[in-house]
């Protein structure tokens, strides 16, 4: 779906939405120094990638293992020269009608080198081969990253979020 929102002179919002027709897909052209591999990152790789982009990964290995175990498909990007993991992308879902793109992460020193595009291309190809017709694929992204995901057919939409917060005693 494509959606446009207009704020009219009285402060009211008008929303226009419609189905997106076939859209040109991004084709990642990646350096031969990077390999995209279908696998889940290790706990250490995931923690290092999160830290490299300023995210605060859980210090609890059990929590990270649970996140990684939830992936129905995952890819990592490796530096072909030294074998280091430089990026990852996870796909969660119910194998039927809903998929969620989670944690597309590219190490900060490898950003803007088409690594993220190659990771998203791999997820897109998997979805096109395996997802059911009319399956919904969603993601949540930071502000300013919308154009990156739009090249893979994503469109902005309204949603609702809820965070669960626990006090120090776990209540």
N, C-alpha and C. Protein backbone atom coordinates (compact mmCIF):
# COMPACT_ATOMS: atom_id res chain seq x y z
N UNK A 1 0.84 -1.18 0.00
CA UNK A 1 0.00 0.00 0.00
C UNK A 1 0.89 1.25 0.00
N UNK A 2 0.41 2.25 -0.67
CA UNK A 2 1.04 3.57 -0.60
C UNK A 2 0.05 4.48 0.11
N UNK A 3 0.54 5.28 1.02
CA UNK A 3 -0.35 6.16 1.76
C UNK A 3 0.24 7.55 1.81
N UNK A 4 -0.63 8.53 1.61
CA UNK A 4 -0.23 9.92 1.68
C UNK A 4 -1.15 10.61 2.68
N UNK A 5 -0.59 11.48 3.48
CA UNK A 5 -1.35 12.22 4.47
C UNK A 5 -1.17 13.71 4.20
N UNK A 6 -2.31 14.42 4.20
CA UNK A 6 -2.30 15.86 3.97
C UNK A 6 -2.98 16.51 5.16
N UNK A 7 -2.36 17.55 5.70
CA UNK A 7 -2.99 18.32 6.77
C UNK A 7 -3.63 19.54 6.12
N UNK A 8 -4.94 19.62 6.25
CA UNK A 8 -5.64 20.74 5.63
C UNK A 8 -5.63 21.96 6.54
N UNK A 9 -6.08 23.08 6.04
CA UNK A 9 -5.95 24.37 6.70
C UNK A 9 -6.55 24.41 8.11
N UNK A 10 -7.58 23.62 8.38
CA UNK A 10 -8.21 23.60 9.70
C UNK A 10 -7.55 22.62 10.67
N UNK A 11 -6.46 22.02 10.25
CA UNK A 11 -5.73 21.11 11.12
C UNK A 11 -6.15 19.66 11.00
N UNK A 12 -7.11 19.35 10.15
CA UNK A 12 -7.55 17.97 9.97
C UNK A 12 -6.60 17.25 9.02
N UNK A 13 -6.45 15.95 9.24
CA UNK A 13 -5.59 15.14 8.39
C UNK A 13 -6.45 14.34 7.42
N UNK A 14 -6.09 14.36 6.17
CA UNK A 14 -6.75 13.56 5.14
C UNK A 14 -5.77 12.48 4.70
N UNK A 15 -6.23 11.25 4.66
CA UNK A 15 -5.37 10.13 4.28
C UNK A 15 -5.85 9.54 2.96
N UNK A 16 -4.93 9.34 2.07
CA UNK A 16 -5.21 8.71 0.79
C UNK A 16 -4.33 7.48 0.70
N UNK A 17 -4.92 6.34 0.37
CA UNK A 17 -4.13 5.12 0.29
C UNK A 17 -4.59 4.30 -0.90
N UNK A 18 -3.69 3.51 -1.42
CA UNK A 18 -4.02 2.64 -2.53
C UNK A 18 -2.96 1.57 -2.70
N UNK A 19 -3.29 0.57 -3.45
CA UNK A 19 -2.38 -0.54 -3.71
C UNK A 19 -1.27 -0.05 -4.63
N UNK A 20 -0.05 -0.45 -4.33
CA UNK A 20 1.08 -0.10 -5.17
C UNK A 20 1.14 -1.10 -6.32
N UNK A 21 1.25 -0.60 -7.53
CA UNK A 21 1.42 -1.50 -8.67
C UNK A 21 2.86 -1.98 -8.68
N UNK A 22 3.20 -2.80 -9.62
CA UNK A 22 4.57 -3.32 -9.69
C UNK A 22 5.57 -2.17 -9.59
N UNK A 23 6.53 -2.32 -8.76
CA UNK A 23 7.54 -1.29 -8.52
C UNK A 23 8.90 -1.88 -8.86
N UNK A 24 9.75 -1.07 -9.41
CA UNK A 24 11.09 -1.55 -9.74
C UNK A 24 11.80 -1.93 -8.45
N UNK A 25 12.40 -3.10 -8.47
CA UNK A 25 13.08 -3.59 -7.28
C UNK A 25 14.54 -3.17 -7.29
N UNK A 26 15.07 -2.98 -6.11
CA UNK A 26 16.48 -2.63 -5.99
C UNK A 26 17.32 -3.87 -6.26
N UNK A 27 18.40 -3.69 -6.94
CA UNK A 27 19.35 -4.78 -7.15
C UNK A 27 20.65 -4.34 -6.51
N UNK A 28 21.06 -5.09 -5.51
CA UNK A 28 22.26 -4.72 -4.78
C UNK A 28 23.50 -5.12 -5.58
N UNK A 29 24.37 -4.18 -5.79
CA UNK A 29 25.66 -4.47 -6.41
C UNK A 29 26.66 -4.34 -5.29
N UNK A 30 27.25 -5.44 -4.94
CA UNK A 30 28.07 -5.51 -3.74
C UNK A 30 29.51 -5.84 -4.11
N UNK A 31 30.40 -5.30 -3.36
CA UNK A 31 31.82 -5.59 -3.54
C UNK A 31 32.07 -7.08 -3.37
N UNK A 32 33.07 -7.57 -4.07
CA UNK A 32 33.44 -8.98 -3.92
C UNK A 32 34.09 -9.24 -2.56
N UNK A 33 34.32 -8.18 -1.80
CA UNK A 33 34.91 -8.33 -0.47
C UNK A 33 33.87 -8.69 0.58
N UNK A 34 32.61 -8.87 0.17
CA UNK A 34 31.53 -9.17 1.12
C UNK A 34 30.78 -10.41 0.65
N UNK A 35 30.52 -11.31 1.58
CA UNK A 35 29.71 -12.50 1.30
C UNK A 35 28.42 -12.41 2.09
N UNK A 36 27.28 -12.70 1.44
CA UNK A 36 25.99 -12.77 2.10
C UNK A 36 25.67 -14.25 2.30
N UNK A 37 25.48 -14.64 3.55
CA UNK A 37 25.32 -16.05 3.90
C UNK A 37 24.01 -16.24 4.64
N UNK A 38 23.24 -17.26 4.24
CA UNK A 38 21.97 -17.57 4.91
C UNK A 38 22.27 -18.32 6.20
N UNK A 39 22.26 -17.60 7.29
CA UNK A 39 22.43 -18.20 8.62
C UNK A 39 22.09 -17.15 9.68
N UNK A 40 21.84 -17.62 10.87
CA UNK A 40 21.57 -16.73 12.01
C UNK A 40 22.91 -16.33 12.62
N UNK A 41 23.06 -15.06 12.99
CA UNK A 41 24.31 -14.67 13.65
C UNK A 41 24.42 -15.32 15.03
N UNK A 42 25.64 -15.46 15.50
CA UNK A 42 25.85 -15.97 16.86
C UNK A 42 25.48 -14.87 17.86
N UNK A 43 25.37 -15.24 19.11
CA UNK A 43 25.07 -14.27 20.16
C UNK A 43 26.14 -13.17 20.17
N UNK A 44 27.40 -13.57 20.10
CA UNK A 44 28.50 -12.60 20.12
C UNK A 44 28.46 -11.69 18.89
N UNK A 45 28.21 -12.27 17.71
CA UNK A 45 28.13 -11.46 16.49
C UNK A 45 26.99 -10.45 16.59
N UNK A 46 25.84 -10.91 17.05
CA UNK A 46 24.67 -10.04 17.19
C UNK A 46 24.96 -8.90 18.18
N UNK A 47 25.52 -9.25 19.32
CA UNK A 47 25.84 -8.23 20.34
C UNK A 47 26.83 -7.22 19.77
N UNK A 48 27.86 -7.67 19.07
CA UNK A 48 28.86 -6.77 18.50
C UNK A 48 28.26 -5.85 17.44
N UNK A 49 27.38 -6.40 16.60
CA UNK A 49 26.73 -5.57 15.58
C UNK A 49 25.86 -4.50 16.22
N UNK A 50 25.07 -4.89 17.22
CA UNK A 50 24.21 -3.92 17.91
C UNK A 50 25.06 -2.81 18.52
N UNK A 51 26.11 -3.17 19.19
CA UNK A 51 26.99 -2.17 19.83
C UNK A 51 27.62 -1.25 18.80
N UNK A 52 27.96 -1.79 17.61
CA UNK A 52 28.64 -0.98 16.59
C UNK A 52 27.76 0.14 16.04
N UNK A 53 26.43 -0.01 16.17
CA UNK A 53 25.52 1.04 15.68
C UNK A 53 24.88 1.82 16.82
N UNK A 54 25.37 1.62 18.03
CA UNK A 54 24.89 2.40 19.17
C UNK A 54 23.66 1.85 19.85
N UNK A 55 23.26 0.63 19.50
CA UNK A 55 22.13 0.01 20.19
C UNK A 55 22.66 -0.63 21.47
N UNK A 56 21.80 -0.77 22.45
CA UNK A 56 22.17 -1.41 23.71
C UNK A 56 21.61 -2.82 23.74
N UNK A 57 22.38 -3.79 23.29
CA UNK A 57 21.87 -5.16 23.30
C UNK A 57 21.73 -5.66 24.73
N UNK A 58 20.85 -6.62 24.90
CA UNK A 58 20.67 -7.22 26.22
C UNK A 58 21.99 -7.82 26.68
N UNK A 59 22.27 -7.71 27.95
CA UNK A 59 23.47 -8.35 28.49
C UNK A 59 23.17 -9.81 28.84
N UNK A 60 21.92 -10.20 28.71
CA UNK A 60 21.48 -11.54 29.03
C UNK A 60 21.55 -12.43 27.77
N UNK A 61 22.50 -13.37 27.75
CA UNK A 61 22.65 -14.27 26.60
C UNK A 61 21.36 -15.03 26.30
N UNK A 62 20.61 -15.39 27.34
CA UNK A 62 19.36 -16.11 27.13
C UNK A 62 18.38 -15.29 26.30
N UNK A 63 18.31 -13.99 26.57
CA UNK A 63 17.41 -13.11 25.83
C UNK A 63 17.83 -13.01 24.36
N UNK A 64 19.12 -12.84 24.12
CA UNK A 64 19.61 -12.75 22.74
C UNK A 64 19.38 -14.08 22.02
N UNK A 65 19.62 -15.19 22.69
CA UNK A 65 19.35 -16.51 22.07
C UNK A 65 17.88 -16.64 21.70
N UNK A 66 16.99 -16.13 22.53
CA UNK A 66 15.55 -16.19 22.23
C UNK A 66 15.22 -15.34 21.00
N UNK A 67 15.81 -14.16 20.90
CA UNK A 67 15.60 -13.31 19.73
C UNK A 67 16.06 -14.02 18.47
N UNK A 68 17.25 -14.57 18.52
CA UNK A 68 17.82 -15.24 17.34
C UNK A 68 17.07 -16.52 16.99
N UNK A 69 16.59 -17.23 17.99
CA UNK A 69 15.85 -18.47 17.74
C UNK A 69 14.49 -18.20 17.09
N UNK A 70 13.97 -17.00 17.26
CA UNK A 70 12.66 -16.66 16.69
C UNK A 70 12.71 -16.43 15.18
N UNK A 71 13.91 -16.27 14.63
CA UNK A 71 14.04 -16.00 13.20
C UNK A 71 13.64 -17.23 12.38
N UNK A 72 12.79 -17.01 11.38
CA UNK A 72 12.46 -18.10 10.46
C UNK A 72 13.41 -18.08 9.26
N UNK A 73 14.08 -16.96 9.08
CA UNK A 73 15.12 -16.83 8.06
C UNK A 73 16.04 -15.71 8.51
N UNK A 74 17.31 -15.87 8.23
CA UNK A 74 18.27 -14.83 8.61
C UNK A 74 19.45 -14.87 7.64
N UNK A 75 20.09 -13.73 7.49
CA UNK A 75 21.30 -13.63 6.68
C UNK A 75 22.33 -12.81 7.43
N UNK A 76 23.58 -13.13 7.17
CA UNK A 76 24.68 -12.33 7.70
C UNK A 76 25.55 -11.91 6.53
N UNK A 77 26.20 -10.77 6.70
CA UNK A 77 27.21 -10.31 5.75
C UNK A 77 28.56 -10.50 6.42
N UNK A 78 29.47 -11.11 5.68
CA UNK A 78 30.81 -11.33 6.21
C UNK A 78 31.84 -10.63 5.33
N UNK A 79 32.85 -10.07 5.96
CA UNK A 79 34.00 -9.53 5.26
C UNK A 79 34.75 -10.72 4.68
N UNK A 80 34.83 -10.81 3.35
CA UNK A 80 35.46 -11.96 2.70
C UNK A 80 36.95 -12.03 2.97
N UNK A 81 37.55 -10.93 3.34
CA UNK A 81 38.99 -10.91 3.57
C UNK A 81 39.35 -11.54 4.91
N UNK A 82 38.61 -11.14 5.99
CA UNK A 82 38.98 -11.64 7.32
C UNK A 82 37.90 -12.50 7.98
N UNK A 83 36.75 -12.69 7.31
CA UNK A 83 35.69 -13.56 7.85
C UNK A 83 34.85 -12.93 8.94
N UNK A 84 35.07 -11.66 9.28
CA UNK A 84 34.29 -11.01 10.33
C UNK A 84 32.86 -10.75 9.87
N UNK A 85 31.92 -10.88 10.79
CA UNK A 85 30.52 -10.56 10.50
C UNK A 85 30.36 -9.05 10.55
N UNK A 86 29.85 -8.47 9.45
CA UNK A 86 29.73 -7.02 9.35
C UNK A 86 28.27 -6.57 9.25
N UNK A 87 27.34 -7.53 9.21
CA UNK A 87 25.93 -7.16 9.13
C UNK A 87 25.04 -8.37 9.29
N UNK A 88 23.76 -8.12 9.57
CA UNK A 88 22.79 -9.20 9.65
C UNK A 88 21.39 -8.63 9.43
N UNK A 89 20.47 -9.53 9.13
CA UNK A 89 19.05 -9.19 9.03
C UNK A 89 18.26 -10.41 9.43
N UNK A 90 17.23 -10.22 10.24
CA UNK A 90 16.39 -11.31 10.72
C UNK A 90 14.99 -11.15 10.17
N UNK A 91 14.34 -12.27 9.92
CA UNK A 91 12.95 -12.28 9.49
C UNK A 91 12.17 -13.18 10.44
N UNK A 92 11.15 -12.62 11.06
CA UNK A 92 10.27 -13.38 11.95
C UNK A 92 8.95 -13.58 11.23
N UNK A 93 8.15 -14.52 11.68
CA UNK A 93 6.85 -14.68 11.05
C UNK A 93 6.13 -15.93 11.46
N UNK A 94 4.94 -16.09 10.89
CA UNK A 94 4.09 -17.25 11.20
C UNK A 94 4.08 -18.27 10.06
N UNK A 95 4.92 -18.09 9.07
CA UNK A 95 4.99 -18.97 7.89
C UNK A 95 3.69 -19.00 7.11
N UNK A 96 2.82 -18.01 7.29
CA UNK A 96 1.53 -18.03 6.61
C UNK A 96 1.14 -16.65 6.11
N UNK A 97 0.77 -15.77 7.03
CA UNK A 97 0.20 -14.50 6.59
C UNK A 97 0.95 -13.27 7.08
N UNK A 98 1.91 -13.42 7.97
CA UNK A 98 2.56 -12.26 8.55
C UNK A 98 4.05 -12.50 8.72
N UNK A 99 4.85 -11.50 8.31
CA UNK A 99 6.30 -11.54 8.46
C UNK A 99 6.76 -10.20 8.99
N UNK A 100 7.83 -10.21 9.76
CA UNK A 100 8.37 -9.00 10.36
C UNK A 100 9.88 -8.95 10.13
N UNK A 101 10.35 -7.90 9.49
CA UNK A 101 11.77 -7.70 9.27
C UNK A 101 12.33 -7.08 10.54
N UNK A 102 13.28 -7.77 11.16
CA UNK A 102 13.82 -7.32 12.45
C UNK A 102 15.33 -7.16 12.36
N UNK A 103 15.80 -6.08 12.90
CA UNK A 103 17.23 -5.87 13.11
C UNK A 103 18.07 -6.03 11.84
N UNK A 104 17.85 -5.15 10.89
CA UNK A 104 18.77 -5.03 9.76
C UNK A 104 19.90 -4.16 10.28
N UNK A 105 21.05 -4.77 10.51
CA UNK A 105 22.17 -4.08 11.15
C UNK A 105 23.40 -4.20 10.26
N UNK A 106 24.06 -3.08 10.01
CA UNK A 106 25.33 -3.09 9.29
C UNK A 106 26.33 -2.32 10.13
N UNK A 107 27.46 -2.97 10.40
CA UNK A 107 28.50 -2.35 11.21
C UNK A 107 28.79 -0.95 10.66
N UNK A 108 28.98 0.00 11.54
CA UNK A 108 29.08 1.41 11.14
C UNK A 108 30.16 1.66 10.09
N UNK A 109 31.28 0.98 10.15
CA UNK A 109 32.34 1.23 9.17
C UNK A 109 32.06 0.60 7.81
N UNK A 110 30.97 -0.18 7.69
CA UNK A 110 30.58 -0.78 6.42
C UNK A 110 29.29 -0.18 5.86
N UNK A 111 28.72 0.79 6.55
CA UNK A 111 27.49 1.40 6.06
C UNK A 111 27.76 2.22 4.80
N UNK A 112 26.70 2.35 3.98
CA UNK A 112 26.75 3.09 2.71
C UNK A 112 27.65 2.40 1.69
N UNK A 113 27.79 1.08 1.83
CA UNK A 113 28.58 0.29 0.87
C UNK A 113 27.73 -0.83 0.27
N UNK A 114 26.40 -0.68 0.32
CA UNK A 114 25.41 -1.60 -0.26
C UNK A 114 25.27 -2.92 0.51
N UNK A 115 25.84 -3.00 1.70
CA UNK A 115 25.70 -4.21 2.51
C UNK A 115 24.25 -4.37 2.97
N UNK A 116 23.65 -3.30 3.48
CA UNK A 116 22.25 -3.35 3.91
C UNK A 116 21.33 -3.69 2.76
N UNK A 117 21.60 -3.15 1.58
CA UNK A 117 20.79 -3.47 0.41
C UNK A 117 20.89 -4.95 0.05
N UNK A 118 22.09 -5.50 0.15
CA UNK A 118 22.27 -6.92 -0.16
C UNK A 118 21.54 -7.79 0.86
N UNK A 119 21.57 -7.39 2.13
CA UNK A 119 20.85 -8.15 3.17
C UNK A 119 19.34 -8.10 2.90
N UNK A 120 18.83 -6.91 2.60
CA UNK A 120 17.40 -6.77 2.31
C UNK A 120 17.02 -7.50 1.03
N UNK A 121 17.90 -7.51 0.04
CA UNK A 121 17.63 -8.24 -1.20
C UNK A 121 17.49 -9.73 -0.90
N UNK A 122 18.33 -10.26 -0.03
CA UNK A 122 18.24 -11.68 0.33
C UNK A 122 16.93 -11.98 1.05
N UNK A 123 16.50 -11.10 1.96
CA UNK A 123 15.21 -11.29 2.64
C UNK A 123 14.07 -11.22 1.63
N UNK A 124 14.14 -10.26 0.72
CA UNK A 124 13.10 -10.08 -0.29
C UNK A 124 12.98 -11.32 -1.18
N UNK A 125 14.10 -11.84 -1.61
CA UNK A 125 14.09 -13.04 -2.46
C UNK A 125 13.48 -14.23 -1.71
N UNK A 126 13.83 -14.38 -0.43
CA UNK A 126 13.27 -15.48 0.36
C UNK A 126 11.76 -15.32 0.46
N UNK A 127 11.31 -14.12 0.75
CA UNK A 127 9.87 -13.86 0.87
C UNK A 127 9.14 -14.15 -0.44
N UNK A 128 9.70 -13.72 -1.55
CA UNK A 128 9.05 -13.95 -2.84
C UNK A 128 8.93 -15.43 -3.16
N UNK A 129 9.87 -16.24 -2.69
CA UNK A 129 9.83 -17.69 -2.93
C UNK A 129 8.96 -18.43 -1.92
N UNK A 130 8.88 -17.94 -0.69
CA UNK A 130 8.29 -18.72 0.40
C UNK A 130 7.02 -18.17 1.04
N UNK A 131 6.79 -16.88 0.94
CA UNK A 131 5.63 -16.29 1.61
C UNK A 131 4.35 -16.59 0.83
N UNK A 132 3.25 -16.73 1.56
CA UNK A 132 1.95 -16.95 0.94
C UNK A 132 1.50 -15.71 0.18
N UNK A 133 0.64 -15.93 -0.81
CA UNK A 133 0.07 -14.82 -1.56
C UNK A 133 -0.66 -13.88 -0.59
N UNK A 134 -0.47 -12.60 -0.74
CA UNK A 134 -1.08 -11.56 0.09
C UNK A 134 -0.58 -11.54 1.53
N UNK A 135 0.54 -12.16 1.80
CA UNK A 135 1.12 -12.09 3.15
C UNK A 135 1.55 -10.65 3.43
N UNK A 136 1.41 -10.23 4.68
CA UNK A 136 1.80 -8.89 5.11
C UNK A 136 3.23 -8.95 5.65
N UNK A 137 4.07 -8.05 5.19
CA UNK A 137 5.45 -7.95 5.68
C UNK A 137 5.60 -6.56 6.27
N UNK A 138 6.04 -6.48 7.52
CA UNK A 138 6.16 -5.18 8.17
C UNK A 138 7.55 -5.01 8.77
N UNK A 139 7.82 -3.78 9.14
CA UNK A 139 9.05 -3.47 9.87
C UNK A 139 8.85 -2.15 10.57
N UNK A 140 9.68 -1.89 11.54
CA UNK A 140 9.70 -0.61 12.24
C UNK A 140 11.09 -0.04 12.01
N UNK A 141 11.16 1.21 11.58
CA UNK A 141 12.46 1.80 11.28
C UNK A 141 12.62 3.15 11.94
N UNK A 142 13.85 3.54 12.07
CA UNK A 142 14.16 4.86 12.61
C UNK A 142 13.83 5.94 11.60
N UNK A 143 13.66 7.13 12.11
CA UNK A 143 13.33 8.28 11.27
C UNK A 143 14.45 8.52 10.26
N UNK A 144 14.07 8.78 9.03
CA UNK A 144 15.03 9.06 7.98
C UNK A 144 15.45 7.84 7.17
N UNK A 145 15.10 6.65 7.64
CA UNK A 145 15.48 5.44 6.90
C UNK A 145 14.38 4.94 5.97
N UNK A 146 13.25 5.64 5.93
CA UNK A 146 12.13 5.21 5.09
C UNK A 146 12.53 5.03 3.63
N UNK A 147 13.28 5.97 3.02
CA UNK A 147 13.64 5.79 1.61
C UNK A 147 14.42 4.50 1.34
N UNK A 148 15.26 4.10 2.29
CA UNK A 148 16.00 2.85 2.11
C UNK A 148 15.03 1.68 1.96
N UNK A 149 14.02 1.59 2.83
CA UNK A 149 13.10 0.46 2.78
C UNK A 149 12.08 0.58 1.66
N UNK A 150 11.79 1.79 1.21
CA UNK A 150 10.85 1.97 0.11
C UNK A 150 11.35 1.33 -1.17
N UNK A 151 12.66 1.27 -1.37
CA UNK A 151 13.20 0.64 -2.57
C UNK A 151 12.93 -0.87 -2.60
N UNK A 152 12.52 -1.43 -1.47
CA UNK A 152 12.17 -2.85 -1.40
C UNK A 152 10.67 -3.05 -1.32
N UNK A 153 9.91 -2.02 -1.65
CA UNK A 153 8.46 -2.13 -1.73
C UNK A 153 7.71 -1.79 -0.46
N UNK A 154 8.39 -1.31 0.57
CA UNK A 154 7.71 -0.93 1.81
C UNK A 154 7.15 0.47 1.68
N UNK A 155 6.01 0.70 2.32
CA UNK A 155 5.37 2.01 2.33
C UNK A 155 5.04 2.38 3.77
N UNK A 156 5.06 3.67 4.04
CA UNK A 156 4.69 4.12 5.39
C UNK A 156 3.22 3.83 5.63
N UNK A 157 2.92 3.44 6.85
CA UNK A 157 1.54 3.16 7.26
C UNK A 157 1.41 3.51 8.73
N UNK A 158 0.19 3.70 9.15
CA UNK A 158 -0.04 3.99 10.56
C UNK A 158 -0.09 2.68 11.34
N UNK A 159 0.39 2.73 12.54
CA UNK A 159 0.35 1.56 13.39
C UNK A 159 0.28 2.01 14.84
N UNK A 160 0.19 1.05 15.71
CA UNK A 160 0.19 1.33 17.14
C UNK A 160 1.26 0.46 17.76
N UNK A 161 1.88 0.96 18.81
CA UNK A 161 2.94 0.25 19.50
C UNK A 161 2.66 0.23 20.99
N UNK A 162 3.18 -0.77 21.62
CA UNK A 162 3.12 -0.84 23.07
C UNK A 162 4.40 -1.48 23.56
N UNK A 163 5.07 -0.84 24.49
CA UNK A 163 6.25 -1.39 25.13
C UNK A 163 5.86 -1.95 26.49
N UNK A 164 6.44 -3.06 26.84
CA UNK A 164 6.24 -3.65 28.17
C UNK A 164 7.45 -3.24 29.01
N UNK A 165 7.21 -2.56 30.10
CA UNK A 165 8.28 -2.12 31.00
C UNK A 165 8.11 -2.83 32.33
N UNK A 166 9.18 -3.36 32.83
CA UNK A 166 9.16 -4.04 34.12
C UNK A 166 10.07 -3.29 35.08
N UNK A 167 9.70 -3.30 36.34
CA UNK A 167 10.57 -2.68 37.34
C UNK A 167 11.72 -3.64 37.65
N UNK A 168 12.58 -3.27 38.55
CA UNK A 168 13.76 -4.09 38.87
C UNK A 168 13.40 -5.46 39.41
N UNK A 169 12.21 -5.62 39.97
CA UNK A 169 11.80 -6.91 40.54
C UNK A 169 11.13 -7.78 39.50
N UNK A 170 11.04 -7.30 38.25
CA UNK A 170 10.43 -8.10 37.19
C UNK A 170 8.92 -8.01 37.14
N UNK A 171 8.35 -7.06 37.88
CA UNK A 171 6.88 -6.92 37.92
C UNK A 171 6.43 -5.86 36.96
